[in-house]
Amino acid sequence: WAVPDEVLTLRVEMVNLAHVTLYREAPLGATLYRIYRSDAPNGVFTLLGETENLFYEDLNEGSSTDTYYYQVRGVNPCGQEGP
């Protein structure tokens, strides 16, 4: 299996001032997505979770006054993560 392509498009929406929902494109070769979050653009990104969906909800973070930065990486069936 080839390593999945990079996720180039990520849209972020606030849901009822409670949740942050991330929507992304489906990069070639990805069957699963890992979602990472950091409090700095070049900081340490921590794994939030994995999903097979093209969206992910960061629950209860919409009411926070903190600023978060997100990364989404595609994962192929062998578990190899894309850039």
Protein backbone atom coordinates (compact mmCIF):
# COMPACT_ATOMS: atom_id res chain seq x y z
CA TRP A 1 0.00 0.00 0.00
CA ALA A 2 1.19 3.49 -0.83
CA VAL A 3 1.50 6.09 1.91
CA PRO A 4 -1.60 8.34 1.77
CA ASP A 5 -1.39 11.76 0.18
CA GLU A 6 -1.30 14.86 2.36
CA VAL A 7 -4.60 16.33 3.60
CA LEU A 8 -4.56 19.69 1.83
CA THR A 9 -7.99 21.05 2.77
CA LEU A 10 -9.28 21.30 6.33
CA ARG A 11 -12.39 23.29 7.25
CA VAL A 12 -13.16 24.10 10.88
CA GLU A 13 -16.61 25.05 12.16
CA MET A 14 -17.97 25.91 15.59
CA VAL A 15 -21.13 24.03 16.56
CA ASN A 16 -23.40 25.82 19.07
CA LEU A 17 -20.37 27.38 20.79
CA ALA A 18 -19.70 23.93 22.23
CA HIS A 19 -17.87 21.71 19.75
CA VAL A 20 -15.28 22.24 17.06
CA THR A 21 -15.99 20.18 13.94
CA LEU A 22 -13.22 19.49 11.42
CA TYR A 23 -14.10 18.58 7.83
CA ARG A 24 -11.49 17.35 5.39
CA GLU A 25 -10.98 16.03 1.91
CA ALA A 26 -10.31 12.36 1.27
CA PRO A 27 -6.64 12.04 0.25
CA LEU A 28 -5.69 9.22 -2.07
CA GLY A 29 -4.81 6.02 -0.19
CA ALA A 30 -6.34 6.93 3.19
CA THR A 31 -8.85 4.65 4.89
CA LEU A 32 -8.49 6.17 8.36
CA TYR A 33 -7.63 9.64 9.66
CA ARG A 34 -5.63 10.66 12.73
CA ILE A 35 -6.46 14.02 14.24
CA TYR A 36 -3.82 15.97 16.17
CA ARG A 37 -4.08 19.21 18.18
CA SER A 38 -1.58 21.71 19.56
CA ASP A 39 -1.79 25.06 21.34
CA ALA A 40 0.94 26.51 19.09
CA PRO A 41 1.28 26.38 15.28
CA ASN A 42 4.75 24.83 15.51
CA GLY A 43 4.23 23.17 18.88
CA VAL A 44 3.91 19.55 19.89
CA PHE A 45 0.80 18.00 18.35
CA THR A 46 -1.02 15.44 20.48
CA LEU A 47 -3.17 12.68 19.00
CA LEU A 48 -6.85 13.37 19.75
CA GLY A 49 -8.32 10.37 18.01
CA GLU A 50 -8.91 8.42 14.83
CA THR A 51 -11.90 8.23 12.53
CA GLU A 52 -12.97 6.73 9.24
CA ASN A 53 -15.32 9.69 8.64
CA LEU A 54 -14.46 12.86 6.75
CA PHE A 55 -15.30 14.87 9.86
CA TYR A 56 -14.24 14.85 13.50
CA GLU A 57 -15.75 16.62 16.49
CA ASP A 58 -13.47 18.02 19.17
CA LEU A 59 -16.13 17.90 21.87
CA ASN A 60 -16.56 20.62 24.48
CA GLU A 61 -13.70 22.74 23.10
CA GLY A 62 -15.85 25.37 21.40
CA SER A 63 -16.48 27.21 24.65
CA SER A 64 -12.78 27.33 25.53
CA THR A 65 -10.92 30.63 25.18
CA ASP A 66 -7.80 28.71 24.14
CA THR A 67 -6.55 28.77 20.56
CA TYR A 68 -5.92 25.36 19.01
CA TYR A 69 -4.15 24.24 15.86
CA TYR A 70 -5.10 21.00 14.15
CA GLN A 71 -3.42 18.52 11.84
CA VAL A 72 -5.12 15.63 10.06
CA ARG A 73 -3.14 12.79 8.55
CA GLY A 74 -4.42 9.99 6.38
CA VAL A 75 -3.56 6.40 7.29
CA ASN A 76 -3.52 3.48 4.83
CA PRO A 77 -4.76 -0.08 5.59
CA CYS A 78 -1.24 -1.06 6.74
CA GLY A 79 -1.17 1.71 9.35
CA GLN A 80 1.26 3.95 7.47
CA GLU A 81 0.55 7.62 8.11
CA GLY A 82 0.83 10.26 5.42
CA PRO A 83 2.40 13.69 5.79
